[in-house]
Amino acid sequence: MPKKDTKKVDVAKGFQELEEIAAWFEQGNGDLDQGLAKFERAMTLAETLKNRLDEAENTIKEIKKRIHEE
């Protein structure tokens, strides 16, 4: 499966949404269907954010490598 373009991901908003989902669970809300949907959303967000951060890390490594070669 091809990677999605994560450069358009707003990292700050993604982490904010994850915090909101975590807070929902911490409040002890017991709706199973809503909890499953929130869990699925959190996992999707976490994967997307991890991919975006990995891309940023690779870009930084490439820039450092280029600078050291000059």
PDB file of N, CA and C in Angstrom:
ATOM      1  N   MET A   1       0.844  -1.178   0.000  1.00  0.00           N
ATOM      2  CA  MET A   1       0.000   0.000   0.000  1.00  0.00           C
ATOM      3  C   MET A   1       0.888   1.240   0.000  1.00  0.00           C
ATOM      4  N   PRO A   2       0.688   2.176  -0.918  1.00  0.00           N
ATOM      5  CA  PRO A   2       1.532   3.363  -0.971  1.00  0.00           C
ATOM      6  C   PRO A   2       1.286   4.271   0.215  1.00  0.00           C
ATOM      7  N   LYS A   3       2.374   4.945   0.622  1.00  0.00           N
ATOM      8  CA  LYS A   3       2.262   5.886   1.728  1.00  0.00           C
ATOM      9  C   LYS A   3       1.466   7.102   1.294  1.00  0.00           C
ATOM     10  N   LYS A   4       0.682   7.625   2.222  1.00  0.00           N
ATOM     11  CA  LYS A   4      -0.054   8.845   1.940  1.00  0.00           C
ATOM     12  C   LYS A   4       0.905  10.020   2.040  1.00  0.00           C
ATOM     13  N   ASP A   5       0.559  11.116   1.383  1.00  0.00           N
ATOM     14  CA  ASP A   5       1.364  12.323   1.474  1.00  0.00           C
ATOM     15  C   ASP A   5       1.129  12.951   2.842  1.00  0.00           C
ATOM     16  N   THR A   6       2.112  12.828   3.719  1.00  0.00           N
ATOM     17  CA  THR A   6       1.941  13.330   5.079  1.00  0.00           C
ATOM     18  C   THR A   6       2.447  14.760   5.237  1.00  0.00           C
ATOM     19  N   LYS A   7       2.987  15.351   4.186  1.00  0.00           N
ATOM     20  CA  LYS A   7       3.485  16.721   4.295  1.00  0.00           C
ATOM     21  C   LYS A   7       2.359  17.712   4.573  1.00  0.00           C
ATOM     22  N   LYS A   8       1.131  17.320   4.262  1.00  0.00           N
ATOM     23  CA  LYS A   8      -0.015  18.187   4.493  1.00  0.00           C
ATOM     24  C   LYS A   8      -0.582  18.029   5.906  1.00  0.00           C
ATOM     25  N   VAL A   9      -0.015  17.126   6.692  1.00  0.00           N
ATOM     26  CA  VAL A   9      -0.519  16.847   8.032  1.00  0.00           C
ATOM     27  C   VAL A   9      -0.150  17.982   8.972  1.00  0.00           C
ATOM     28  N   ASP A  10      -1.139  18.488   9.701  1.00  0.00           N
ATOM     29  CA  ASP A  10      -0.878  19.488  10.727  1.00  0.00           C
ATOM     30  C   ASP A  10      -0.543  18.727  12.009  1.00  0.00           C
ATOM     31  N   VAL A  11       0.743  18.653  12.313  1.00  0.00           N
ATOM     32  CA  VAL A  11       1.221  17.839  13.429  1.00  0.00           C
ATOM     33  C   VAL A  11       0.626  18.321  14.752  1.00  0.00           C
ATOM     34  N   ALA A  12       0.614  19.631  14.966  1.00  0.00           N
ATOM     35  CA  ALA A  12       0.085  20.169  16.215  1.00  0.00           C
ATOM     36  C   ALA A  12      -1.382  19.796  16.406  1.00  0.00           C
ATOM     37  N   LYS A  13      -2.178  19.913  15.347  1.00  0.00           N
ATOM     38  CA  LYS A  13      -3.600  19.558  15.441  1.00  0.00           C
ATOM     39  C   LYS A  13      -3.770  18.057  15.666  1.00  0.00           C
ATOM     40  N   GLY A  14      -2.914  17.269  15.052  1.00  0.00           N
ATOM     41  CA  GLY A  14      -2.986  15.827  15.239  1.00  0.00           C
ATOM     42  C   GLY A  14      -2.724  15.430  16.677  1.00  0.00           C
ATOM     43  N   PHE A  15      -1.683  16.019  17.273  1.00  0.00           N
ATOM     44  CA  PHE A  15      -1.383  15.710  18.673  1.00  0.00           C
ATOM     45  C   PHE A  15      -2.489  16.226  19.593  1.00  0.00           C
ATOM     46  N   GLN A  16      -3.067  17.371  19.260  1.00  0.00           N
ATOM     47  CA  GLN A  16      -4.172  17.911  20.041  1.00  0.00           C
ATOM     48  C   GLN A  16      -5.361  16.954  20.019  1.00  0.00           C
ATOM     49  N   GLU A  17      -5.664  16.422  18.840  1.00  0.00           N
ATOM     50  CA  GLU A  17      -6.778  15.485  18.729  1.00  0.00           C
ATOM     51  C   GLU A  17      -6.499  14.212  19.526  1.00  0.00           C
ATOM     52  N   LEU A  18      -5.251  13.734  19.487  1.00  0.00           N
ATOM     53  CA  LEU A  18      -4.902  12.560  20.291  1.00  0.00           C
ATOM     54  C   LEU A  18      -5.094  12.832  21.778  1.00  0.00           C
ATOM     55  N   GLU A  19      -4.717  14.032  22.231  1.00  0.00           N
ATOM     56  CA  GLU A  19      -4.907  14.401  23.626  1.00  0.00           C
ATOM     57  C   GLU A  19      -6.388  14.422  23.998  1.00  0.00           C
ATOM     58  N   GLU A  20      -7.213  14.921  23.095  1.00  0.00           N
ATOM     59  CA  GLU A  20      -8.658  14.964  23.339  1.00  0.00           C
ATOM     60  C   GLU A  20      -9.243  13.553  23.434  1.00  0.00           C
ATOM     61  N   ILE A  21      -8.770  12.664  22.592  1.00  0.00           N
ATOM     62  CA  ILE A  21      -9.248  11.282  22.626  1.00  0.00           C
ATOM     63  C   ILE A  21      -8.819  10.625  23.935  1.00  0.00           C
ATOM     64  N   ALA A  22      -7.574  10.848  24.329  1.00  0.00           N
ATOM     65  CA  ALA A  22      -7.085  10.279  25.591  1.00  0.00           C
ATOM     66  C   ALA A  22      -7.908  10.803  26.765  1.00  0.00           C
ATOM     67  N   ALA A  23      -8.210  12.088  26.758  1.00  0.00           N
ATOM     68  CA  ALA A  23      -9.014  12.680  27.830  1.00  0.00           C
ATOM     69  C   ALA A  23     -10.403  12.048  27.875  1.00  0.00           C
ATOM     70  N   TRP A  24     -10.977  11.778  26.711  1.00  0.00           N
ATOM     71  CA  TRP A  24     -12.292  11.140  26.651  1.00  0.00           C
ATOM     72  C   TRP A  24     -12.249   9.788  27.358  1.00  0.00           C
ATOM     73  N   PHE A  25     -11.208   9.005  27.075  1.00  0.00           N
ATOM     74  CA  PHE A  25     -11.085   7.700  27.713  1.00  0.00           C
ATOM     75  C   PHE A  25     -10.831   7.839  29.211  1.00  0.00           C
ATOM     76  N   GLU A  26     -10.024   8.822  29.606  1.00  0.00           N
ATOM     77  CA  GLU A  26      -9.720   9.022  31.023  1.00  0.00           C
ATOM     78  C   GLU A  26     -10.961   9.404  31.823  1.00  0.00           C
ATOM     79  N   GLN A  27     -11.933  10.018  31.172  1.00  0.00           N
ATOM     80  CA  GLN A  27     -13.173  10.402  31.847  1.00  0.00           C
ATOM     81  C   GLN A  27     -14.057   9.192  32.131  1.00  0.00           C
ATOM     82  N   GLY A  28     -13.700   8.061  31.569  1.00  0.00           N
ATOM     83  CA  GLY A  28     -14.430   6.835  31.838  1.00  0.00           C
ATOM     84  C   GLY A  28     -15.728   6.698  31.074  1.00  0.00           C
ATOM     85  N   ASN A  29     -15.815   7.358  29.952  1.00  0.00           N
ATOM     86  CA  ASN A  29     -17.008   7.213  29.122  1.00  0.00           C
ATOM     87  C   ASN A  29     -17.126   5.755  28.700  1.00  0.00           C
ATOM     88  N   GLY A  30     -18.319   5.216  28.796  1.00  0.00           N
ATOM     89  CA  GLY A  30     -18.468   3.781  28.598  1.00  0.00           C
ATOM     90  C   GLY A  30     -19.142   3.337  27.328  1.00  0.00           C
ATOM     91  N   ASP A  31     -19.341   4.227  26.390  1.00  0.00           N
ATOM     92  CA  ASP A  31     -19.999   3.837  25.147  1.00  0.00           C
ATOM     93  C   ASP A  31     -19.022   3.030  24.296  1.00  0.00           C
ATOM     94  N   LEU A  32     -19.289   1.739  24.151  1.00  0.00           N
ATOM     95  CA  LEU A  32     -18.361   0.845  23.458  1.00  0.00           C
ATOM     96  C   LEU A  32     -18.164   1.225  22.000  1.00  0.00           C
ATOM     97  N   ASP A  33     -19.247   1.474  21.282  1.00  0.00           N
ATOM     98  CA  ASP A  33     -19.128   1.800  19.858  1.00  0.00           C
ATOM     99  C   ASP A  33     -18.359   3.103  19.650  1.00  0.00           C
ATOM    100  N   GLN A  34     -18.658   4.095  20.467  1.00  0.00           N
ATOM    101  CA  GLN A  34     -17.948   5.366  20.351  1.00  0.00           C
ATOM    102  C   GLN A  34     -16.481   5.185  20.738  1.00  0.00           C
ATOM    103  N   GLY A  35     -16.230   4.361  21.759  1.00  0.00           N
ATOM    104  CA  GLY A  35     -14.857   4.089  22.180  1.00  0.00           C
ATOM    105  C   GLY A  35     -14.056   3.400  21.090  1.00  0.00           C
ATOM    106  N   LEU A  36     -14.678   2.440  20.407  1.00  0.00           N
ATOM    107  CA  LEU A  36     -13.995   1.747  19.313  1.00  0.00           C
ATOM    108  C   LEU A  36     -13.674   2.705  18.170  1.00  0.00           C
ATOM    109  N   ALA A  37     -14.615   3.585  17.855  1.00  0.00           N
ATOM    110  CA  ALA A  37     -14.380   4.561  16.787  1.00  0.00           C
ATOM    111  C   ALA A  37     -13.255   5.512  17.178  1.00  0.00           C
ATOM    112  N   LYS A  38     -13.246   5.940  18.422  1.00  0.00           N
ATOM    113  CA  LYS A  38     -12.185   6.850  18.883  1.00  0.00           C
ATOM    114  C   LYS A  38     -10.829   6.148  18.889  1.00  0.00           C
ATOM    115  N   PHE A  39     -10.820   4.877  19.302  1.00  0.00           N
ATOM    116  CA  PHE A  39      -9.580   4.113  19.298  1.00  0.00           C
ATOM    117  C   PHE A  39      -9.029   3.969  17.883  1.00  0.00           C
ATOM    118  N   GLU A  40      -9.919   3.655  16.945  1.00  0.00           N
ATOM    119  CA  GLU A  40      -9.490   3.518  15.552  1.00  0.00           C
ATOM    120  C   GLU A  40      -8.919   4.842  15.031  1.00  0.00           C
ATOM    121  N   ARG A  41      -9.599   5.943  15.337  1.00  0.00           N
ATOM    122  CA  ARG A  41      -9.118   7.262  14.909  1.00  0.00           C
ATOM    123  C   ARG A  41      -7.754   7.557  15.527  1.00  0.00           C
ATOM    124  N   ALA A  42      -7.587   7.241  16.803  1.00  0.00           N
ATOM    125  CA  ALA A  42      -6.312   7.483  17.483  1.00  0.00           C
ATOM    126  C   ALA A  42      -5.182   6.686  16.841  1.00  0.00           C
ATOM    127  N   MET A  43      -5.459   5.434  16.472  1.00  0.00           N
ATOM    128  CA  MET A  43      -4.424   4.609  15.847  1.00  0.00           C
ATOM    129  C   MET A  43      -4.049   5.156  14.472  1.00  0.00           C
ATOM    130  N   THR A  44      -5.044   5.615  13.723  1.00  0.00           N
ATOM    131  CA  THR A  44      -4.778   6.204  12.411  1.00  0.00           C
ATOM    132  C   THR A  44      -3.950   7.481  12.561  1.00  0.00           C
ATOM    133  N   LEU A  45      -4.344   8.320  13.511  1.00  0.00           N
ATOM    134  CA  LEU A  45      -3.590   9.555  13.763  1.00  0.00           C
ATOM    135  C   LEU A  45      -2.156   9.252  14.177  1.00  0.00           C
ATOM    136  N   ALA A  46      -1.995   8.307  15.084  1.00  0.00           N
ATOM    137  CA  ALA A  46      -0.664   7.966  15.573  1.00  0.00           C
ATOM    138  C   ALA A  46       0.236   7.492  14.434  1.00  0.00           C
ATOM    139  N   GLU A  47      -0.300   6.668  13.558  1.00  0.00           N
ATOM    140  CA  GLU A  47       0.490   6.177  12.430  1.00  0.00           C
ATOM    141  C   GLU A  47       0.863   7.320  11.479  1.00  0.00           C
ATOM    142  N   THR A  48      -0.097   8.181  11.185  1.00  0.00           N
ATOM    143  CA  THR A  48       0.145   9.307  10.294  1.00  0.00           C
ATOM    144  C   THR A  48       1.193  10.252  10.883  1.00  0.00           C
ATOM    145  N   LEU A  49       1.062  10.559  12.174  1.00  0.00           N
ATOM    146  CA  LEU A  49       2.024  11.452  12.823  1.00  0.00           C
ATOM    147  C   LEU A  49       3.414  10.827  12.873  1.00  0.00           C
ATOM    148  N   LYS A  50       3.479   9.526  13.142  1.00  0.00           N
ATOM    149  CA  LYS A  50       4.783   8.854  13.161  1.00  0.00           C
ATOM    150  C   LYS A  50       5.442   8.930  11.789  1.00  0.00           C
ATOM    151  N   ASN A  51       4.663   8.689  10.738  1.00  0.00           N
ATOM    152  CA  ASN A  51       5.208   8.765   9.384  1.00  0.00           C
ATOM    153  C   ASN A  51       5.705  10.175   9.072  1.00  0.00           C
ATOM    154  N   ARG A  52       4.939  11.179   9.480  1.00  0.00           N
ATOM    155  CA  ARG A  52       5.341  12.578   9.231  1.00  0.00           C
ATOM    156  C   ARG A  52       6.624  12.913   9.981  1.00  0.00           C
ATOM    157  N   LEU A  53       6.716  12.485  11.226  1.00  0.00           N
ATOM    158  CA  LEU A  53       7.924  12.751  12.007  1.00  0.00           C
ATOM    159  C   LEU A  53       9.128  11.993  11.441  1.00  0.00           C
ATOM    160  N   ASP A  54       8.908  10.778  10.949  1.00  0.00           N
ATOM    161  CA  ASP A  54       9.986  10.020  10.296  1.00  0.00           C
ATOM    162  C   ASP A  54      10.482  10.763   9.053  1.00  0.00           C
ATOM    163  N   GLU A  55       9.531  11.301   8.266  1.00  0.00           N
ATOM    164  CA  GLU A  55       9.911  12.066   7.073  1.00  0.00           C
ATOM    165  C   GLU A  55      10.728  13.295   7.450  1.00  0.00           C
ATOM    166  N   ALA A  56      10.304  13.986   8.504  1.00  0.00           N
ATOM    167  CA  ALA A  56      11.035  15.178   8.947  1.00  0.00           C
ATOM    168  C   ALA A  56      12.445  14.796   9.402  1.00  0.00           C
ATOM    169  N   GLU A  57      12.554  13.705  10.125  1.00  0.00           N
ATOM    170  CA  GLU A  57      13.860  13.244  10.582  1.00  0.00           C
ATOM    171  C   GLU A  57      14.764  12.906   9.394  1.00  0.00           C
ATOM    172  N   ASN A  58      14.223  12.236   8.388  1.00  0.00           N
ATOM    173  CA  ASN A  58      15.008  11.902   7.194  1.00  0.00           C
ATOM    174  C   ASN A  58      15.446  13.159   6.449  1.00  0.00           C
ATOM    175  N   THR A  59      14.580  14.149   6.373  1.00  0.00           N
ATOM    176  CA  THR A  59      14.931  15.410   5.720  1.00  0.00           C
ATOM    177  C   THR A  59      16.080  16.081   6.455  1.00  0.00           C
ATOM    178  N   ILE A  60      16.008  16.087   7.777  1.00  0.00           N
ATOM    179  CA  ILE A  60      17.083  16.687   8.579  1.00  0.00           C
ATOM    180  C   ILE A  60      18.402  15.961   8.336  1.00  0.00           C
ATOM    181  N   LYS A  61      18.362  14.635   8.298  1.00  0.00           N
ATOM    182  CA  LYS A  61      19.575  13.857   8.040  1.00  0.00           C
ATOM    183  C   LYS A  61      20.156  14.181   6.667  1.00  0.00           C
ATOM    184  N   GLU A  62      19.276  14.312   5.664  1.00  0.00           N
ATOM    185  CA  GLU A  62      19.731  14.642   4.313  1.00  0.00           C
ATOM    186  C   GLU A  62      20.377  16.026   4.272  1.00  0.00           C
ATOM    187  N   ILE A  63      19.790  16.980   4.949  1.00  0.00           N
ATOM    188  CA  ILE A  63      20.343  18.342   4.986  1.00  0.00           C
ATOM    189  C   ILE A  63      21.702  18.331   5.659  1.00  0.00           C
ATOM    190  N   LYS A  64      21.815  17.638   6.797  1.00  0.00           N
ATOM    191  CA  LYS A  64      23.105  17.563   7.497  1.00  0.00           C
ATOM    192  C   LYS A  64      24.164  16.905   6.619  1.00  0.00           C
ATOM    193  N   LYS A  65      23.772  15.832   5.932  1.00  0.00           N
ATOM    194  CA  LYS A  65      24.713  15.131   5.059  1.00  0.00           C
ATOM    195  C   LYS A  65      25.183  16.055   3.936  1.00  0.00           C
ATOM    196  N   ARG A  66      24.248  16.792   3.322  1.00  0.00           N
ATOM    197  CA  ARG A  66      24.580  17.710   2.245  1.00  0.00           C
ATOM    198  C   ARG A  66      25.519  18.812   2.730  1.00  0.00           C
ATOM    199  N   ILE A  67      25.263  19.330   3.903  1.00  0.00           N
ATOM    200  CA  ILE A  67      26.101  20.410   4.441  1.00  0.00           C
ATOM    201  C   ILE A  67      27.513  19.905   4.730  1.00  0.00           C
ATOM    202  N   HIS A  68      27.627  18.712   5.244  1.00  0.00           N
ATOM    203  CA  HIS A  68      28.954  18.151   5.560  1.00  0.00           C
ATOM    204  C   HIS A  68      29.727  17.789   4.300  1.00  0.00           C
ATOM    205  N   GLU A  69      29.037  17.579   3.188  1.00  0.00           N
ATOM    206  CA  GLU A  69      29.702  17.254   1.928  1.00  0.00           C
ATOM    207  C   GLU A  69      30.232  18.502   1.232  1.00  0.00           C
ATOM    208  N   GLU A  70      29.662  19.653   1.558  1.00  0.00           N
ATOM    209  CA  GLU A  70      30.069  20.900   0.874  1.00  0.00           C
ATOM    210  C   GLU A  70      31.361  21.445   1.400  1.00  0.00           C
TER     211      GLU A  70
END
